[in-house]
Amino acid sequence: MNPVPRPRPAPGLPGRRGLLGGLLAGAALAAVPALAAPARAGARPAPGPASPAGPRATRPLLLGTYTSEGGGGTGIGTAAYDTGTGAITPGPVISGVENPSYLAPHPSGATVYAVAEQGAGAVTAVAIGPDGTYEVLGSRPTGGSGPTHLSVHPSGRWLLSANYTSGSVAVHPIAEDGSLGERTDLVTHSSPPPGPGQGGPHAHQIVTSPDGGHLLAVDLGTDTVYTYRLDTSAGTLTEASRAALTPGSGPRHLAFHPGGRFAYLACELDNTMVVCAYDPATGVLTPGPGQSTGTGSGVSYPAQPVVTGDGAYVYLANRGHNSLTRYAVEGGGAVLRLLDTVPVGGDWPRQLALSPDSSLLFAANQRSSTVTVFGVGPDGSLTGAGTPFPAPVAVCVLPLP
């Protein structure tokens, strides 16, 4: 089944898929090879030689894409990246996974989960064997349409997903072997009314707060961040609070400071970054004023912020501007100071990810079907690492430990 198209943010401008039809017809995309032939249960690329310090010099990398609408993807791409240089080596494709546009790992590292972004939304579990092989464990319906984000509760017992098109969030239990059980809850964002230009709620992200006490669901359509409590026995959600953003701002994704008291929220429709205070005791999120993304006038559709492990820097992907914004974090997380923007080296950076040690930054560039890699300096500066890696309709990149 083809994914449900996302409403376009503004007339004449690309929506969530970013003019896939035009891309697919282009010669540039036609020249981009698949990562490898599809495999029923493909093996992860073999580890590279050990470094002098002992650990492997390569780590696994997974890539999300679209498999329908002629998107060029055939499943979840596998690869390996050099932890020193950032160079990426392609591996087999995990086939049998539909439209895996977002990926999230289990805390144990034994399983990874993918959304199936389509009309009848679903989530899929994929086991990662001790020998580096992959096995698709099956899928479960989310109860909504167009799921675009998922995450695993820190307990490892619950999978949380956000259905963009239907504006709802879902909970699934995770079994001991990493497989998924039947959905235990589904909550639709029925209020407040949709923001300007929105036809309804559009849940774009659901994450657990660093303290583990609350879940936060970002809804672009209602300009609201909902805070929920999760009953960890029943897998059900209870609303605790709501944070209202500027009408028409279109909040998309947030990332927490490691201190757990502040979060940084990208608003894709008014081109701002918002510092939000967070109260772990109540789950209340308090947004501050919108801040510049450094991309100038016009809407640049900021997509996703990421925070370095030490909490010193925040990076933001700007799709329309094809750039990365760098902020310094000050005041214990309460202040973002805009430093600069740098070209991303690709087209339409949809998603960012830092390596586990925050030494490398990966950008999944949807329209150019590439992943670009940057070295992260001690001062937070970004230095391009090699040539862009070809990956069909790259919309998610997940470096694994």
Protein backbone atom coordinates (compact mmCIF):
# COMPACT_ATOMS: atom_id res chain seq x y z
CA MET A 1 0.00 0.00 0.00
CA ASN A 2 1.30 3.43 -0.86
CA PRO A 3 1.97 5.84 2.02
CA VAL A 4 -0.58 8.59 2.58
CA PRO A 5 0.80 11.88 1.18
CA ARG A 6 1.48 14.52 3.78
CA PRO A 7 -0.26 17.89 3.37
CA ARG A 8 2.14 20.46 2.00
CA PRO A 9 3.20 23.16 4.45
CA ALA A 10 2.45 25.94 1.98
CA PRO A 11 1.14 26.20 -1.59
CA GLY A 12 3.77 25.36 -4.16
CA LEU A 13 6.25 24.07 -1.60
CA PRO A 14 7.27 20.43 -1.07
CA GLY A 15 5.63 18.43 1.68
CA ARG A 16 6.96 15.57 3.76
CA ARG A 17 8.06 13.50 0.81
CA GLY A 18 9.88 16.43 -0.81
CA LEU A 19 8.75 16.12 -4.44
CA LEU A 20 9.56 12.43 -4.69
CA GLY A 21 8.07 12.16 -8.15
CA GLY A 22 10.42 14.72 -9.64
CA LEU A 23 13.37 13.18 -7.88
CA LEU A 24 12.65 9.71 -9.06
CA ALA A 25 12.45 10.81 -12.65
CA GLY A 26 15.76 12.66 -12.43
CA ALA A 27 18.93 11.28 -13.90
CA ALA A 28 20.85 12.04 -10.75
CA LEU A 29 18.77 9.64 -8.70
CA ALA A 30 18.87 7.06 -11.44
CA ALA A 31 22.63 7.08 -11.10
CA VAL A 32 22.52 6.32 -7.38
CA PRO A 33 22.98 2.59 -6.78
CA ALA A 34 21.12 0.57 -4.20
CA LEU A 35 23.17 -0.23 -1.15
CA ALA A 36 23.25 -3.88 -2.18
CA ALA A 37 20.99 -6.61 -3.42
CA PRO A 38 18.07 -7.27 -1.05
CA ALA A 39 18.71 -10.04 1.43
CA ARG A 40 16.22 -12.17 3.33
CA ALA A 41 18.26 -11.77 6.51
CA GLY A 42 21.36 -9.91 5.45
CA ALA A 43 24.58 -9.96 7.42
CA ARG A 44 25.96 -6.79 8.86
CA PRO A 45 29.26 -5.68 7.31
CA ALA A 46 32.14 -7.47 8.96
CA PRO A 47 33.98 -5.51 11.67
CA GLY A 48 37.11 -3.75 10.58
CA PRO A 49 40.55 -4.10 12.15
CA ALA A 50 40.93 -3.26 15.80
CA SER A 51 42.32 0.13 16.73
CA PRO A 52 45.41 0.42 18.98
CA ALA A 53 43.09 1.04 21.93
CA GLY A 54 41.28 -2.24 21.29
CA PRO A 55 37.74 -1.51 20.04
CA ARG A 56 36.66 -2.14 16.47
CA ALA A 57 37.46 0.60 13.97
CA THR A 58 34.04 0.26 12.33
CA ARG A 59 30.50 0.31 13.63
CA PRO A 60 27.18 -0.62 12.01
CA LEU A 61 24.95 1.97 10.38
CA LEU A 62 21.30 1.52 9.36
CA LEU A 63 19.45 3.61 6.77
CA GLY A 64 15.74 4.33 6.44
CA THR A 65 14.03 5.03 3.12
CA TYR A 66 10.76 4.69 1.17
CA THR A 67 10.05 1.44 -0.65
CA SER A 68 6.84 2.50 -2.41
CA GLU A 69 6.05 5.12 -5.04
CA GLY A 70 9.14 3.98 -6.91
CA GLY A 71 11.27 5.51 -4.19
CA GLY A 72 14.31 3.43 -4.98
CA GLY A 73 14.57 1.86 -1.55
CA THR A 74 14.10 -1.87 -1.10
CA GLY A 75 14.19 -2.11 2.69
CA ILE A 76 16.43 -1.03 5.54
CA GLY A 77 19.91 -0.32 4.27
CA THR A 78 22.87 -1.65 6.22
CA ALA A 79 26.37 -0.23 6.18
CA ALA A 80 29.43 0.29 8.36
CA TYR A 81 31.20 3.53 9.24
CA ASP A 82 34.78 4.12 10.21
CA THR A 83 34.82 5.61 13.69
CA GLY A 84 37.90 7.67 12.89
CA THR A 85 37.28 8.95 9.37
CA GLY A 86 33.49 8.62 9.07
CA ALA A 87 33.86 6.73 5.77
CA ILE A 88 30.81 4.54 5.05
CA THR A 89 30.95 1.08 3.46
CA PRO A 90 27.71 -0.37 2.03
CA GLY A 91 26.22 -3.68 3.11
CA PRO A 92 23.15 -5.77 2.25
CA VAL A 93 19.58 -4.52 2.45
CA ILE A 94 17.14 -5.94 4.98
CA SER A 95 14.18 -6.69 2.74
CA GLY A 96 10.59 -7.37 3.75
CA VAL A 97 10.23 -4.04 5.57
CA GLU A 98 7.82 -1.54 4.02
CA ASN A 99 8.56 2.20 3.96
CA PRO A 100 10.99 2.21 6.91
CA SER A 101 11.26 5.99 7.08
CA TYR A 102 12.29 6.11 10.75
CA LEU A 103 14.35 3.69 12.85
CA ALA A 104 14.97 3.28 16.58
CA PRO A 105 17.10 0.79 18.53
CA HIS A 106 16.18 -1.26 21.59
CA PRO A 107 18.33 -0.38 24.64
CA SER A 108 19.74 -3.92 24.59
CA GLY A 109 21.06 -3.46 21.05
CA ALA A 110 19.45 -6.77 20.07
CA THR A 111 16.54 -5.31 18.09
CA VAL A 112 15.79 -2.31 15.91
CA TYR A 113 12.31 -1.00 15.07
CA ALA A 114 10.99 0.73 11.97
CA VAL A 115 7.81 2.59 11.10
CA ALA A 116 5.88 1.62 7.99
CA GLU A 117 4.88 5.07 6.79
CA GLN A 118 1.75 4.33 4.78
CA GLY A 119 -2.04 4.58 4.93
CA ALA A 120 -2.41 1.52 7.16
CA GLY A 121 0.44 2.41 9.49
CA ALA A 122 2.55 -0.28 11.09
CA VAL A 123 5.70 -0.84 13.12
CA THR A 124 8.21 -3.62 12.41
CA ALA A 125 10.74 -5.38 14.65
CA VAL A 126 14.08 -6.58 13.30
CA ALA A 127 16.37 -8.77 15.42
CA ILE A 128 20.13 -8.27 15.31
CA GLY A 129 21.92 -11.56 15.91
CA PRO A 130 25.15 -11.96 17.92
CA ASP A 131 26.88 -12.77 14.64
CA GLY A 132 25.65 -9.55 13.04
CA THR A 133 22.82 -11.08 11.01
CA TYR A 134 19.35 -9.55 10.82
CA GLU A 135 15.93 -11.22 11.00
CA VAL A 136 12.55 -9.53 10.48
CA LEU A 137 10.36 -10.55 13.44
CA GLY A 138 7.09 -9.18 12.08
CA SER A 139 4.89 -6.09 12.10
CA ARG A 140 1.94 -4.73 14.06
CA PRO A 141 -0.58 -2.07 12.99
CA THR A 142 -0.31 1.28 14.77
CA GLY A 143 -4.04 1.98 14.50
CA GLY A 144 -3.32 5.19 12.60
CA SER A 145 -1.97 6.38 9.29
CA GLY A 146 1.37 7.73 8.19
CA PRO A 147 3.54 6.91 11.24
CA THR A 148 6.69 9.00 11.06
CA HIS A 149 8.48 8.46 14.37
CA LEU A 150 9.00 5.82 17.01
CA SER A 151 11.10 5.29 20.11
CA VAL A 152 11.63 2.63 22.74
CA HIS A 153 10.81 3.29 26.39
CA PRO A 154 13.98 3.07 28.54
CA SER A 155 12.57 -0.03 30.25
CA GLY A 156 12.79 -1.80 26.89
CA ARG A 157 9.24 -3.11 27.35
CA TRP A 158 7.26 -0.62 25.27
CA LEU A 159 7.44 0.75 21.74
CA LEU A 160 6.00 4.24 21.21
CA SER A 161 4.99 5.55 17.80
CA ALA A 162 3.53 8.74 16.32
CA ASN A 163 1.02 8.64 13.44
CA TYR A 164 1.46 11.85 11.47
CA THR A 165 -1.50 11.71 9.12
CA SER A 166 -4.09 10.67 11.71
CA GLY A 167 -2.57 12.70 14.56
CA SER A 168 -2.31 9.91 17.12
CA VAL A 169 0.23 8.12 19.30
CA ALA A 170 0.35 4.37 19.94
CA VAL A 171 1.91 1.95 22.42
CA HIS A 172 2.98 -1.65 21.71
CA PRO A 173 4.44 -4.16 24.18
CA ILE A 174 7.87 -5.62 23.44
CA ALA A 175 8.41 -9.31 24.15
CA GLU A 176 11.59 -10.84 25.54
CA ASP A 177 12.77 -11.73 22.04
CA GLY A 178 12.19 -8.16 20.83
CA SER A 179 9.04 -8.93 18.86
CA LEU A 180 5.94 -6.78 19.20
CA GLY A 181 2.59 -7.61 20.75
CA GLU A 182 -0.81 -6.16 19.97
CA ARG A 183 -1.25 -2.44 20.56
CA THR A 184 -2.18 -1.55 24.16
CA ASP A 185 -3.22 2.07 23.60
CA LEU A 186 -3.97 4.66 20.94
CA VAL A 187 -4.59 8.34 21.73
CA THR A 188 -5.72 10.81 19.07
CA HIS A 189 -5.01 14.51 19.53
CA SER A 190 -8.56 15.82 19.23
CA SER A 191 -7.88 19.21 20.82
CA PRO A 192 -6.89 22.01 20.62
CA PRO A 193 -8.14 22.81 17.10
CA PRO A 194 -5.60 22.51 14.28
CA GLY A 195 -3.32 25.48 13.73
CA PRO A 196 -3.43 27.82 10.73
CA GLY A 197 -3.33 25.95 7.44
CA GLN A 198 -3.53 22.52 9.10
CA GLY A 199 -6.34 20.11 8.29
CA GLY A 200 -6.02 18.21 11.55
CA PRO A 201 -3.59 16.99 14.19
CA HIS A 202 -0.22 15.67 12.96
CA ALA A 203 1.74 13.80 15.62
CA HIS A 204 5.37 13.98 14.54
CA GLN A 205 7.39 12.59 17.45
CA ILE A 206 7.03 10.74 20.75
CA VAL A 207 9.96 10.42 23.17
CA THR A 208 10.57 9.61 26.83
CA SER A 209 11.95 12.34 29.08
CA PRO A 210 15.49 11.74 30.39
CA ASP A 211 14.15 10.99 33.89
CA GLY A 212 11.90 8.30 32.42
CA GLY A 213 8.80 9.66 34.11
CA HIS A 214 6.92 11.11 31.16
CA LEU A 215 6.41 10.81 27.42
CA LEU A 216 6.32 13.89 25.20
CA ALA A 217 4.42 13.88 21.91
CA VAL A 218 5.09 16.74 19.49
CA ASP A 219 2.13 17.59 17.24
CA LEU A 220 2.80 19.82 14.26
CA GLY A 221 -0.90 20.17 13.37
CA THR A 222 -2.13 21.46 16.73
CA ASP A 223 1.04 23.44 17.60
CA THR A 224 1.17 21.53 20.88
CA VAL A 225 3.49 19.26 22.84
CA TYR A 226 1.48 16.75 24.90
CA THR A 227 2.97 15.19 28.04
CA TYR A 228 1.76 11.71 29.03
CA ARG A 229 2.36 9.29 31.85
CA LEU A 230 2.83 5.68 30.83
CA ASP A 231 1.34 2.91 32.94
CA THR A 232 4.26 0.51 32.66
CA SER A 233 2.10 -2.44 33.66
CA ALA A 234 -0.81 -1.92 31.26
CA GLY A 235 0.90 0.09 28.51
CA THR A 236 -1.69 2.87 28.61
CA LEU A 237 -1.28 6.65 28.43
CA THR A 238 -2.70 9.36 30.68
CA GLU A 239 -2.31 13.00 29.71
CA ALA A 240 -0.39 15.07 32.27
CA SER A 241 -0.05 18.48 30.61
CA ARG A 242 0.11 20.40 27.34
CA ALA A 243 2.51 23.03 26.06
CA ALA A 244 1.11 25.49 23.52
CA LEU A 245 3.46 26.80 20.84
CA THR A 246 2.91 29.87 18.66
CA PRO A 247 -0.06 29.25 16.33
CA GLY A 248 1.22 28.21 12.93
CA SER A 249 4.74 27.48 14.17
CA GLY A 250 4.53 23.76 13.34
CA PRO A 251 6.58 22.07 16.11
CA ARG A 252 8.25 18.99 14.66
CA HIS A 253 10.99 17.40 16.78
CA LEU A 254 12.62 18.10 20.14
CA ALA A 255 15.83 16.91 21.75
CA PHE A 256 16.63 16.99 25.46
CA HIS A 257 19.75 18.40 27.08
CA PRO A 258 21.47 15.59 29.02
CA GLY A 259 20.80 17.50 32.24
CA GLY A 260 17.12 16.71 31.75
CA ARG A 261 15.81 20.20 32.56
CA PHE A 262 15.69 21.69 29.06
CA ALA A 263 14.66 20.60 25.59
CA TYR A 264 15.23 22.18 22.18
CA LEU A 265 12.26 22.18 19.82
CA ALA A 266 12.46 22.74 16.05
CA CYS A 267 9.42 24.47 14.56
CA GLU A 268 9.34 23.80 10.85
CA LEU A 269 6.74 26.33 9.71
CA ASP A 270 7.98 29.54 11.35
CA ASN A 271 11.67 28.66 10.99
CA THR A 272 12.55 28.84 14.68
CA MET A 273 14.23 26.91 17.46
CA VAL A 274 12.57 27.06 20.89
CA VAL A 275 14.28 26.43 24.23
CA CYS A 276 11.79 24.73 26.56
CA ALA A 277 12.13 24.31 30.32
CA TYR A 278 11.06 20.90 31.60
CA ASP A 279 9.89 19.97 35.11
CA PRO A 280 10.56 16.26 35.76
CA ALA A 281 8.19 16.21 38.73
CA THR A 282 5.11 17.29 36.78
CA GLY A 283 6.09 16.73 33.16
CA VAL A 284 5.26 20.36 32.37
CA LEU A 285 7.12 21.75 29.37
CA THR A 286 7.40 25.54 29.22
CA PRO A 287 8.40 26.93 25.80
CA GLY A 288 10.44 30.11 25.51
CA PRO A 289 10.43 32.51 22.56
CA GLY A 290 11.34 31.30 19.09
CA GLN A 291 14.99 31.83 18.15
CA SER A 292 16.69 32.30 14.81
CA THR A 293 18.00 29.33 12.89
CA GLY A 294 20.54 31.55 11.15
CA THR A 295 19.10 30.78 7.71
CA GLY A 296 17.82 34.27 6.88
CA SER A 297 14.35 35.26 5.74
CA GLY A 298 11.79 32.79 4.48
CA VAL A 299 10.83 29.34 5.68
CA SER A 300 13.66 26.82 5.79
CA TYR A 301 11.71 23.90 7.25
CA PRO A 302 14.03 23.03 10.13
CA ALA A 303 13.73 19.30 10.71
CA GLN A 304 15.56 17.90 13.70
CA PRO A 305 17.86 19.04 16.50
CA VAL A 306 20.52 16.83 18.09
CA VAL A 307 22.55 17.50 21.25
CA THR A 308 26.14 16.39 21.85
CA GLY A 309 26.63 13.90 24.65
CA ASP A 310 28.31 16.49 26.87
CA GLY A 311 25.44 18.94 26.31
CA ALA A 312 27.78 21.63 24.95
CA TYR A 313 26.41 21.99 21.39
CA VAL A 314 23.17 21.62 19.49
CA TYR A 315 22.88 21.08 15.73
CA LEU A 316 19.81 21.66 13.60
CA ALA A 317 19.04 20.40 10.09
CA ASN A 318 17.52 23.04 7.78
CA ARG A 319 15.92 21.36 4.78
CA GLY A 320 15.07 24.41 2.67
CA HIS A 321 18.44 26.05 3.34
CA ASN A 322 20.38 22.78 2.97
CA SER A 323 22.44 23.64 5.99
CA LEU A 324 23.27 22.74 9.56
CA THR A 325 22.93 25.33 12.31
CA ARG A 326 25.36 25.18 15.22
CA TYR A 327 24.43 26.50 18.67
CA ALA A 328 26.50 26.73 21.83
CA VAL A 329 24.65 25.66 24.96
CA GLU A 330 24.97 28.00 27.93
CA GLY A 331 23.38 28.57 31.33
CA GLY A 332 23.27 24.87 32.17
CA GLY A 333 21.12 24.23 29.12
CA ALA A 334 18.81 27.23 29.45
CA VAL A 335 20.39 29.28 26.65
CA LEU A 336 21.25 28.59 23.01
CA ARG A 337 23.74 30.93 21.37
CA LEU A 338 23.71 30.88 17.58
CA LEU A 339 27.23 30.30 16.25
CA ASP A 340 26.94 29.68 12.51
CA THR A 341 25.45 27.59 9.71
CA VAL A 342 27.37 25.32 7.37
CA PRO A 343 26.31 23.71 4.07
CA VAL A 344 25.13 20.15 4.57
CA GLY A 345 26.61 18.97 1.28
CA GLY A 346 23.32 17.44 0.12
CA ASP A 347 19.71 18.31 -0.66
CA TRP A 348 16.88 18.38 1.91
CA PRO A 349 18.54 17.10 5.14
CA ARG A 350 15.63 15.24 6.69
CA GLN A 351 17.28 13.73 9.76
CA LEU A 352 20.48 13.98 11.80
CA ALA A 353 22.27 11.57 14.09
CA LEU A 354 25.42 11.75 16.19
CA SER A 355 27.73 8.79 16.65
CA PRO A 356 27.60 7.35 20.19
CA ASP A 357 30.68 9.35 21.23
CA SER A 358 29.47 12.54 19.44
CA SER A 359 32.63 12.64 17.32
CA LEU A 360 30.71 12.31 14.04
CA LEU A 361 27.50 13.85 12.73
CA PHE A 362 25.47 12.10 10.01
CA ALA A 363 22.87 13.83 7.81
CA ALA A 364 20.29 11.91 5.74
CA ASN A 365 19.62 14.01 2.62
CA GLN A 366 16.33 12.95 1.10
CA ARG A 367 16.36 14.66 -2.30
CA SER A 368 19.99 14.01 -3.18
CA SER A 369 19.75 10.41 -1.93
CA THR A 370 22.94 10.78 0.07
CA VAL A 371 24.31 10.65 3.59
CA THR A 372 26.92 13.27 4.46
CA VAL A 373 29.27 12.90 7.41
CA PHE A 374 30.99 15.58 9.49
CA GLY A 375 33.71 15.38 12.09
CA VAL A 376 32.77 17.24 15.29
CA GLY A 377 35.61 19.30 16.74
CA PRO A 378 36.23 20.08 20.43
CA ASP A 379 34.72 23.52 19.79
CA GLY A 380 31.67 21.99 18.12
CA SER A 381 32.90 22.92 14.64
CA LEU A 382 31.89 20.68 11.75
CA THR A 383 34.35 19.42 9.14
CA GLY A 384 33.16 17.44 6.13
CA ALA A 385 34.38 13.84 6.17
CA GLY A 386 34.84 12.48 2.68
CA THR A 387 32.39 12.34 -0.19
CA PRO A 388 28.61 11.91 0.25
CA PHE A 389 27.51 8.30 0.56
CA PRO A 390 24.82 7.25 -1.97
CA ALA A 391 21.65 5.89 -0.34
CA PRO A 392 18.30 5.85 -2.19
CA VAL A 393 15.91 8.46 -0.74
CA ALA A 394 17.83 8.64 2.54
CA VAL A 395 15.40 9.82 5.20
CA CYS A 396 16.90 8.30 8.35
CA VAL A 397 20.40 7.33 9.46
CA LEU A 398 21.03 5.32 12.61
CA PRO A 399 24.61 4.72 13.82
CA LEU A 400 24.66 1.79 16.24
CA PRO A 401 27.09 1.32 19.14
